[in-house]
Amino acid sequence: MKRITIDLSEEIYRELKIRCATAGVTMADVVRELLERTLKIKNVDRDFTESMKKIESESKEIKDVMKEKEASRKRFFEGLKKSDKKL
């Protein structure tokens, strides 16, 4: 485990100390837990954002393929209509 030093405002320090004393836990344990939770949430948010970008990209690719298939289908039927007119 690594050690760090942080500066807190008097108000935050007092509040943290009171809450920790009341709960019977150390300030280090509380700060460590809060940092771990915050980082996990940010990782989840980042993973979610990356997943959504991938889904959006794949969705666009699917839409593009569907548009091309629709255009191809229209060309096919237009070709049939022209063939029928020649007969």
PDB file of N, CA and C in Angstrom:
ATOM      1  N   MET A   1       0.848  -1.179   0.000  1.00  0.00           N
ATOM      2  CA  MET A   1       0.000   0.000   0.000  1.00  0.00           C
ATOM      3  C   MET A   1       0.894   1.243   0.000  1.00  0.00           C
ATOM      4  N   LYS A   2       0.484   2.259  -0.693  1.00  0.00           N
ATOM      5  CA  LYS A   2       1.230   3.521  -0.776  1.00  0.00           C
ATOM      6  C   LYS A   2       0.599   4.553   0.150  1.00  0.00           C
ATOM      7  N   ARG A   3       1.404   5.463   0.627  1.00  0.00           N
ATOM      8  CA  ARG A   3       0.938   6.518   1.520  1.00  0.00           C
ATOM      9  C   ARG A   3       0.913   7.833   0.754  1.00  0.00           C
ATOM     10  N   ILE A   4      -0.150   8.634   0.994  1.00  0.00           N
ATOM     11  CA  ILE A   4      -0.239   9.966   0.399  1.00  0.00           C
ATOM     12  C   ILE A   4      -0.576  10.972   1.489  1.00  0.00           C
ATOM     13  N   THR A   5      -0.376  12.221   1.170  1.00  0.00           N
ATOM     14  CA  THR A   5      -0.750  13.310   2.075  1.00  0.00           C
ATOM     15  C   THR A   5      -1.683  14.229   1.308  1.00  0.00           C
ATOM     16  N   ILE A   6      -2.782  14.619   1.953  1.00  0.00           N
ATOM     17  CA  ILE A   6      -3.717  15.539   1.312  1.00  0.00           C
ATOM     18  C   ILE A   6      -4.000  16.695   2.248  1.00  0.00           C
ATOM     19  N   ASP A   7      -4.357  17.835   1.681  1.00  0.00           N
ATOM     20  CA  ASP A   7      -4.750  19.004   2.457  1.00  0.00           C
ATOM     21  C   ASP A   7      -6.263  19.123   2.398  1.00  0.00           C
ATOM     22  N   LEU A   8      -6.883  19.309   3.546  1.00  0.00           N
ATOM     23  CA  LEU A   8      -8.335  19.480   3.646  1.00  0.00           C
ATOM     24  C   LEU A   8      -8.646  20.800   4.319  1.00  0.00           C
ATOM     25  N   SER A   9      -9.785  21.350   3.981  1.00  0.00           N
ATOM     26  CA  SER A   9     -10.217  22.559   4.696  1.00  0.00           C
ATOM     27  C   SER A   9     -10.529  22.163   6.139  1.00  0.00           C
ATOM     28  N   GLU A  10     -10.477  23.135   7.025  1.00  0.00           N
ATOM     29  CA  GLU A  10     -10.779  22.866   8.442  1.00  0.00           C
ATOM     30  C   GLU A  10     -12.166  22.249   8.590  1.00  0.00           C
ATOM     31  N   GLU A  11     -13.125  22.770   7.824  1.00  0.00           N
ATOM     32  CA  GLU A  11     -14.508  22.298   7.915  1.00  0.00           C
ATOM     33  C   GLU A  11     -14.617  20.822   7.513  1.00  0.00           C
ATOM     34  N   ILE A  12     -14.003  20.462   6.410  1.00  0.00           N
ATOM     35  CA  ILE A  12     -14.049  19.074   5.944  1.00  0.00           C
ATOM     36  C   ILE A  12     -13.325  18.160   6.933  1.00  0.00           C
ATOM     37  N   TYR A  13     -12.160  18.594   7.392  1.00  0.00           N
ATOM     38  CA  TYR A  13     -11.390  17.796   8.349  1.00  0.00           C
ATOM     39  C   TYR A  13     -12.201  17.532   9.619  1.00  0.00           C
ATOM     40  N   ARG A  14     -12.815  18.579  10.157  1.00  0.00           N
ATOM     41  CA  ARG A  14     -13.613  18.440  11.387  1.00  0.00           C
ATOM     42  C   ARG A  14     -14.770  17.470  11.189  1.00  0.00           C
ATOM     43  N   GLU A  15     -15.491  17.649  10.078  1.00  0.00           N
ATOM     44  CA  GLU A  15     -16.637  16.795   9.782  1.00  0.00           C
ATOM     45  C   GLU A  15     -16.204  15.337   9.629  1.00  0.00           C
ATOM     46  N   LEU A  16     -15.122  15.124   8.921  1.00  0.00           N
ATOM     47  CA  LEU A  16     -14.601  13.774   8.721  1.00  0.00           C
ATOM     48  C   LEU A  16     -14.194  13.150  10.059  1.00  0.00           C
ATOM     49  N   LYS A  17     -13.517  13.926  10.874  1.00  0.00           N
ATOM     50  CA  LYS A  17     -13.046  13.410  12.167  1.00  0.00           C
ATOM     51  C   LYS A  17     -14.224  13.047  13.070  1.00  0.00           C
ATOM     52  N   ILE A  18     -15.247  13.894  13.110  1.00  0.00           N
ATOM     53  CA  ILE A  18     -16.428  13.627  13.938  1.00  0.00           C
ATOM     54  C   ILE A  18     -17.143  12.368  13.457  1.00  0.00           C
ATOM     55  N   ARG A  19     -17.365  12.275  12.158  1.00  0.00           N
ATOM     56  CA  ARG A  19     -18.080  11.103  11.616  1.00  0.00           C
ATOM     57  C   ARG A  19     -17.294   9.807  11.847  1.00  0.00           C
ATOM     58  N   CYS A  20     -15.997   9.876  11.684  1.00  0.00           N
ATOM     59  CA  CYS A  20     -15.175   8.683  11.888  1.00  0.00           C
ATOM     60  C   CYS A  20     -15.173   8.262  13.356  1.00  0.00           C
ATOM     61  N   ALA A  21     -15.062   9.245  14.252  1.00  0.00           N
ATOM     62  CA  ALA A  21     -15.077   8.936  15.678  1.00  0.00           C
ATOM     63  C   ALA A  21     -16.416   8.325  16.080  1.00  0.00           C
ATOM     64  N   THR A  22     -17.491   8.894  15.563  1.00  0.00           N
ATOM     65  CA  THR A  22     -18.835   8.389  15.865  1.00  0.00           C
ATOM     66  C   THR A  22     -19.013   6.957  15.361  1.00  0.00           C
ATOM     67  N   ALA A  23     -18.474   6.661  14.169  1.00  0.00           N
ATOM     68  CA  ALA A  23     -18.624   5.333  13.568  1.00  0.00           C
ATOM     69  C   ALA A  23     -17.562   4.345  14.048  1.00  0.00           C
ATOM     70  N   GLY A  24     -16.532   4.861  14.704  1.00  0.00           N
ATOM     71  CA  GLY A  24     -15.464   3.988  15.191  1.00  0.00           C
ATOM     72  C   GLY A  24     -14.557   3.464  14.088  1.00  0.00           C
ATOM     73  N   VAL A  25     -14.325   4.294  13.094  1.00  0.00           N
ATOM     74  CA  VAL A  25     -13.428   3.917  11.991  1.00  0.00           C
ATOM     75  C   VAL A  25     -12.355   4.986  11.841  1.00  0.00           C
ATOM     76  N   THR A  26     -11.291   4.629  11.160  1.00  0.00           N
ATOM     77  CA  THR A  26     -10.221   5.608  10.974  1.00  0.00           C
ATOM     78  C   THR A  26     -10.536   6.504   9.768  1.00  0.00           C
ATOM     79  N   MET A  27      -9.958   7.693   9.806  1.00  0.00           N
ATOM     80  CA  MET A  27     -10.138   8.607   8.676  1.00  0.00           C
ATOM     81  C   MET A  27      -9.516   8.007   7.419  1.00  0.00           C
ATOM     82  N   ALA A  28      -8.389   7.334   7.573  1.00  0.00           N
ATOM     83  CA  ALA A  28      -7.726   6.724   6.416  1.00  0.00           C
ATOM     84  C   ALA A  28      -8.639   5.689   5.761  1.00  0.00           C
ATOM     85  N   ASP A  29      -9.314   4.874   6.571  1.00  0.00           N
ATOM     86  CA  ASP A  29     -10.216   3.858   6.013  1.00  0.00           C
ATOM     87  C   ASP A  29     -11.366   4.503   5.234  1.00  0.00           C
ATOM     88  N   VAL A  30     -11.911   5.578   5.785  1.00  0.00           N
ATOM     89  CA  VAL A  30     -13.035   6.253   5.122  1.00  0.00           C
ATOM     90  C   VAL A  30     -12.579   6.895   3.813  1.00  0.00           C
ATOM     91  N   VAL A  31     -11.468   7.606   3.844  1.00  0.00           N
ATOM     92  CA  VAL A  31     -10.970   8.261   2.633  1.00  0.00           C
ATOM     93  C   VAL A  31     -10.629   7.208   1.578  1.00  0.00           C
ATOM     94  N   ARG A  32      -9.989   6.124   1.997  1.00  0.00           N
ATOM     95  CA  ARG A  32      -9.644   5.043   1.068  1.00  0.00           C
ATOM     96  C   ARG A  32     -10.913   4.468   0.423  1.00  0.00           C
ATOM     97  N   GLU A  33     -11.928   4.195   1.236  1.00  0.00           N
ATOM     98  CA  GLU A  33     -13.185   3.646   0.725  1.00  0.00           C
ATOM     99  C   GLU A  33     -13.860   4.613  -0.247  1.00  0.00           C
ATOM    100  N   LEU A  34     -13.887   5.891   0.106  1.00  0.00           N
ATOM    101  CA  LEU A  34     -14.500   6.887  -0.782  1.00  0.00           C
ATOM    102  C   LEU A  34     -13.760   6.986  -2.113  1.00  0.00           C
ATOM    103  N   LEU A  35     -12.435   6.951  -2.079  1.00  0.00           N
ATOM    104  CA  LEU A  35     -11.650   6.998  -3.313  1.00  0.00           C
ATOM    105  C   LEU A  35     -11.905   5.759  -4.167  1.00  0.00           C
ATOM    106  N   GLU A  36     -11.922   4.590  -3.529  1.00  0.00           N
ATOM    107  CA  GLU A  36     -12.174   3.354  -4.270  1.00  0.00           C
ATOM    108  C   GLU A  36     -13.548   3.391  -4.930  1.00  0.00           C
ATOM    109  N   ARG A  37     -14.563   3.822  -4.198  1.00  0.00           N
ATOM    110  CA  ARG A  37     -15.917   3.910  -4.760  1.00  0.00           C
ATOM    111  C   ARG A  37     -15.964   4.889  -5.928  1.00  0.00           C
ATOM    112  N   THR A  38     -15.344   6.045  -5.735  1.00  0.00           N
ATOM    113  CA  THR A  38     -15.349   7.073  -6.781  1.00  0.00           C
ATOM    114  C   THR A  38     -14.662   6.564  -8.046  1.00  0.00           C
ATOM    115  N   LEU A  39     -13.529   5.918  -7.887  1.00  0.00           N
ATOM    116  CA  LEU A  39     -12.800   5.412  -9.048  1.00  0.00           C
ATOM    117  C   LEU A  39     -13.559   4.288  -9.732  1.00  0.00           C
ATOM    118  N   LYS A  40     -14.212   3.428  -8.978  1.00  0.00           N
ATOM    119  CA  LYS A  40     -15.014   2.361  -9.575  1.00  0.00           C
ATOM    120  C   LYS A  40     -16.161   2.954 -10.371  1.00  0.00           C
ATOM    121  N   ILE A  41     -16.819   3.961  -9.827  1.00  0.00           N
ATOM    122  CA  ILE A  41     -17.932   4.607 -10.528  1.00  0.00           C
ATOM    123  C   ILE A  41     -17.428   5.239 -11.821  1.00  0.00           C
ATOM    124  N   LYS A  42     -16.278   5.905 -11.761  1.00  0.00           N
ATOM    125  CA  LYS A  42     -15.733   6.531 -12.969  1.00  0.00           C
ATOM    126  C   LYS A  42     -15.367   5.476 -14.003  1.00  0.00           C
ATOM    127  N   ASN A  43     -14.823   4.336 -13.551  1.00  0.00           N
ATOM    128  CA  ASN A  43     -14.494   3.264 -14.492  1.00  0.00           C
ATOM    129  C   ASN A  43     -15.753   2.715 -15.130  1.00  0.00           C
ATOM    130  N   VAL A  44     -16.811   2.550 -14.341  1.00  0.00           N
ATOM    131  CA  VAL A  44     -18.080   2.063 -14.882  1.00  0.00           C
ATOM    132  C   VAL A  44     -18.623   3.071 -15.890  1.00  0.00           C
ATOM    133  N   ASP A  45     -18.574   4.353 -15.546  1.00  0.00           N
ATOM    134  CA  ASP A  45     -19.041   5.398 -16.463  1.00  0.00           C
ATOM    135  C   ASP A  45     -18.236   5.374 -17.763  1.00  0.00           C
ATOM    136  N   ARG A  46     -16.908   5.251 -17.639  1.00  0.00           N
ATOM    137  CA  ARG A  46     -16.056   5.226 -18.826  1.00  0.00           C
ATOM    138  C   ARG A  46     -16.363   3.997 -19.677  1.00  0.00           C
ATOM    139  N   ASP A  47     -16.487   2.829 -19.021  1.00  0.00           N
ATOM    140  CA  ASP A  47     -16.804   1.603 -19.754  1.00  0.00           C
ATOM    141  C   ASP A  47     -18.161   1.715 -20.436  1.00  0.00           C
ATOM    142  N   PHE A  48     -19.131   2.303 -19.732  1.00  0.00           N
ATOM    143  CA  PHE A  48     -20.468   2.476 -20.300  1.00  0.00           C
ATOM    144  C   PHE A  48     -20.411   3.394 -21.518  1.00  0.00           C
ATOM    145  N   THR A  49     -19.684   4.493 -21.382  1.00  0.00           N
ATOM    146  CA  THR A  49     -19.559   5.452 -22.486  1.00  0.00           C
ATOM    147  C   THR A  49     -18.891   4.792 -23.691  1.00  0.00           C
ATOM    148  N   GLU A  50     -17.829   4.025 -23.450  1.00  0.00           N
ATOM    149  CA  GLU A  50     -17.155   3.335 -24.551  1.00  0.00           C
ATOM    150  C   GLU A  50     -18.083   2.321 -25.207  1.00  0.00           C
ATOM    151  N   SER A  51     -18.850   1.602 -24.395  1.00  0.00           N
ATOM    152  CA  SER A  51     -19.800   0.621 -24.932  1.00  0.00           C
ATOM    153  C   SER A  51     -20.870   1.305 -25.779  1.00  0.00           C
ATOM    154  N   MET A  52     -21.379   2.430 -25.296  1.00  0.00           N
ATOM    155  CA  MET A  52     -22.407   3.150 -26.042  1.00  0.00           C
ATOM    156  C   MET A  52     -21.858   3.669 -27.366  1.00  0.00           C
ATOM    157  N   LYS A  53     -20.626   4.155 -27.374  1.00  0.00           N
ATOM    158  CA  LYS A  53     -20.015   4.630 -28.616  1.00  0.00           C
ATOM    159  C   LYS A  53     -19.882   3.476 -29.604  1.00  0.00           C
ATOM    160  N   LYS A  54     -19.489   2.318 -29.109  1.00  0.00           N
ATOM    161  CA  LYS A  54     -19.353   1.147 -29.969  1.00  0.00           C
ATOM    162  C   LYS A  54     -20.713   0.740 -30.539  1.00  0.00           C
ATOM    163  N   ILE A  55     -21.736   0.740 -29.687  1.00  0.00           N
ATOM    164  CA  ILE A  55     -23.085   0.382 -30.134  1.00  0.00           C
ATOM    165  C   ILE A  55     -23.574   1.380 -31.177  1.00  0.00           C
ATOM    166  N   GLU A  56     -23.357   2.665 -30.936  1.00  0.00           N
ATOM    167  CA  GLU A  56     -23.773   3.692 -31.888  1.00  0.00           C
ATOM    168  C   GLU A  56     -23.058   3.516 -33.228  1.00  0.00           C
ATOM    169  N   SER A  57     -21.768   3.205 -33.170  1.00  0.00           N
ATOM    170  CA  SER A  57     -21.001   3.000 -34.393  1.00  0.00           C
ATOM    171  C   SER A  57     -21.520   1.780 -35.156  1.00  0.00           C
ATOM    172  N   GLU A  58     -21.740   0.687 -34.419  1.00  0.00           N
ATOM    173  CA  GLU A  58     -22.261  -0.526 -35.054  1.00  0.00           C
ATOM    174  C   GLU A  58     -23.666  -0.294 -35.601  1.00  0.00           C
ATOM    175  N   SER A  59     -24.456   0.473 -34.876  1.00  0.00           N
ATOM    176  CA  SER A  59     -25.811   0.782 -35.324  1.00  0.00           C
ATOM    177  C   SER A  59     -25.769   1.569 -36.627  1.00  0.00           C
ATOM    178  N   LYS A  60     -24.849   2.529 -36.718  1.00  0.00           N
ATOM    179  CA  LYS A  60     -24.706   3.309 -37.950  1.00  0.00           C
ATOM    180  C   LYS A  60     -24.296   2.401 -39.102  1.00  0.00           C
ATOM    181  N   GLU A  61     -23.360   1.479 -38.824  1.00  0.00           N
ATOM    182  CA  GLU A  61     -22.927   0.547 -39.871  1.00  0.00           C
ATOM    183  C   GLU A  61     -24.103  -0.317 -40.333  1.00  0.00           C
ATOM    184  N   ILE A  62     -24.897  -0.790 -39.396  1.00  0.00           N
ATOM    185  CA  ILE A  62     -26.069  -1.608 -39.738  1.00  0.00           C
ATOM    186  C   ILE A  62     -27.052  -0.794 -40.571  1.00  0.00           C
ATOM    187  N   LYS A  63     -27.291   0.460 -40.169  1.00  0.00           N
ATOM    188  CA  LYS A  63     -28.204   1.319 -40.932  1.00  0.00           C
ATOM    189  C   LYS A  63     -27.682   1.535 -42.347  1.00  0.00           C
ATOM    190  N   ASP A  64     -26.376   1.742 -42.476  1.00  0.00           N
ATOM    191  CA  ASP A  64     -25.784   1.938 -43.801  1.00  0.00           C
ATOM    192  C   ASP A  64     -25.963   0.690 -44.665  1.00  0.00           C
ATOM    193  N   VAL A  65     -25.750  -0.476 -44.082  1.00  0.00           N
ATOM    194  CA  VAL A  65     -25.932  -1.731 -44.820  1.00  0.00           C
ATOM    195  C   VAL A  65     -27.389  -1.887 -45.228  1.00  0.00           C
ATOM    196  N   MET A  66     -28.304  -1.577 -44.310  1.00  0.00           N
ATOM    197  CA  MET A  66     -29.734  -1.700 -44.612  1.00  0.00           C
ATOM    198  C   MET A  66     -30.138  -0.733 -45.733  1.00  0.00           C
ATOM    199  N   LYS A  67     -29.601   0.475 -45.722  1.00  0.00           N
ATOM    200  CA  LYS A  67     -29.896   1.435 -46.794  1.00  0.00           C
ATOM    201  C   LYS A  67     -29.397   0.906 -48.128  1.00  0.00           C
ATOM    202  N   GLU A  68     -28.188   0.349 -48.125  1.00  0.00           N
ATOM    203  CA  GLU A  68     -27.630  -0.197 -49.368  1.00  0.00           C
ATOM    204  C   GLU A  68     -28.458  -1.380 -49.861  1.00  0.00           C
ATOM    205  N   LYS A  69     -28.893  -2.237 -48.944  1.00  0.00           N
ATOM    206  CA  LYS A  69     -29.732  -3.380 -49.329  1.00  0.00           C
ATOM    207  C   LYS A  69     -31.062  -2.890 -49.912  1.00  0.00           C
ATOM    208  N   GLU A  70     -31.634  -1.871 -49.304  1.00  0.00           N
ATOM    209  CA  GLU A  70     -32.902  -1.311 -49.796  1.00  0.00           C
ATOM    210  C   GLU A  70     -32.704  -0.709 -51.189  1.00  0.00           C
ATOM    211  N   ALA A  71     -31.606   0.002 -51.369  1.00  0.00           N
ATOM    212  CA  ALA A  71     -31.319   0.588 -52.685  1.00  0.00           C
ATOM    213  C   ALA A  71     -31.109  -0.517 -53.721  1.00  0.00           C
ATOM    214  N   SER A  72     -30.419  -1.563 -53.329  1.00  0.00           N
ATOM    215  CA  SER A  72     -30.180  -2.689 -54.228  1.00  0.00           C
ATOM    216  C   SER A  72     -31.495  -3.376 -54.590  1.00  0.00           C
ATOM    217  N   ARG A  73     -32.361  -3.548 -53.605  1.00  0.00           N
ATOM    218  CA  ARG A  73     -33.675  -4.165 -53.842  1.00  0.00           C
ATOM    219  C   ARG A  73     -34.497  -3.319 -54.819  1.00  0.00           C
ATOM    220  N   LYS A  74     -34.474  -1.991 -54.618  1.00  0.00           N
ATOM    221  CA  LYS A  74     -35.213  -1.102 -55.523  1.00  0.00           C
ATOM    222  C   LYS A  74     -34.670  -1.210 -56.949  1.00  0.00           C
ATOM    223  N   ARG A  75     -33.336  -1.235 -57.077  1.00  0.00           N
ATOM    224  CA  ARG A  75     -32.734  -1.359 -58.412  1.00  0.00           C
ATOM    225  C   ARG A  75     -33.140  -2.676 -59.064  1.00  0.00           C
ATOM    226  N   PHE A  76     -33.183  -3.742 -58.281  1.00  0.00           N
ATOM    227  CA  PHE A  76     -33.567  -5.047 -58.801  1.00  0.00           C
ATOM    228  C   PHE A  76     -34.999  -5.014 -59.349  1.00  0.00           C
ATOM    229  N   PHE A  77     -35.925  -4.469 -58.542  1.00  0.00           N
ATOM    230  CA  PHE A  77     -37.317  -4.437 -58.985  1.00  0.00           C
ATOM    231  C   PHE A  77     -37.532  -3.465 -60.137  1.00  0.00           C
ATOM    232  N   GLU A  78     -36.790  -2.382 -60.155  1.00  0.00           N
ATOM    233  CA  GLU A  78     -36.871  -1.468 -61.297  1.00  0.00           C
ATOM    234  C   GLU A  78     -36.385  -2.159 -62.567  1.00  0.00           C
ATOM    235  N   GLY A  79     -35.345  -2.968 -62.420  1.00  0.00           N
ATOM    236  CA  GLY A  79     -34.842  -3.741 -63.549  1.00  0.00           C
ATOM    237  C   GLY A  79     -35.889  -4.737 -64.046  1.00  0.00           C
ATOM    238  N   LEU A  80     -36.605  -5.371 -63.111  1.00  0.00           N
ATOM    239  CA  LEU A  80     -37.679  -6.297 -63.501  1.00  0.00           C
ATOM    240  C   LEU A  80     -38.792  -5.579 -64.241  1.00  0.00           C
ATOM    241  N   LYS A  81     -39.142  -4.393 -63.745  1.00  0.00           N
ATOM    242  CA  LYS A  81     -40.195  -3.611 -64.399  1.00  0.00           C
ATOM    243  C   LYS A  81     -39.801  -3.253 -65.823  1.00  0.00           C
ATOM    244  N   LYS A  82     -38.551  -2.853 -66.008  1.00  0.00           N
ATOM    245  CA  LYS A  82     -38.065  -2.515 -67.342  1.00  0.00           C
ATOM    246  C   LYS A  82     -38.086  -3.742 -68.238  1.00  0.00           C
ATOM    247  N   SER A  83     -37.728  -4.886 -67.693  1.00  0.00           N
ATOM    248  CA  SER A  83     -37.750  -6.148 -68.475  1.00  0.00           C
ATOM    249  C   SER A  83     -39.165  -6.500 -68.883  1.00  0.00           C
ATOM    250  N   ASP A  84     -40.124  -6.295 -67.951  1.00  0.00           N
ATOM    251  CA  ASP A  84     -41.522  -6.592 -68.257  1.00  0.00           C
ATOM    252  C   ASP A  84     -42.030  -5.684 -69.368  1.00  0.00           C
ATOM    253  N   LYS A  85     -41.616  -4.427 -69.362  1.00  0.00           N
ATOM    254  CA  LYS A  85     -42.075  -3.486 -70.393  1.00  0.00           C
ATOM    255  C   LYS A  85     -41.551  -3.883 -71.771  1.00  0.00           C
ATOM    256  N   LYS A  86     -40.362  -4.449 -71.823  1.00  0.00           N
ATOM    257  CA  LYS A  86     -39.759  -4.856 -73.096  1.00  0.00           C
ATOM    258  C   LYS A  86     -40.489  -6.063 -73.679  1.00  0.00           C
ATOM    259  N   LEU A  87     -41.056  -6.902 -72.783  1.00  0.00           N
ATOM    260  CA  LEU A  87     -41.754  -8.104 -73.242  1.00  0.00           C
ATOM    261  C   LEU A  87     -43.085  -7.720 -73.740  1.00  0.00           C
TER     262      LEU A  87
END
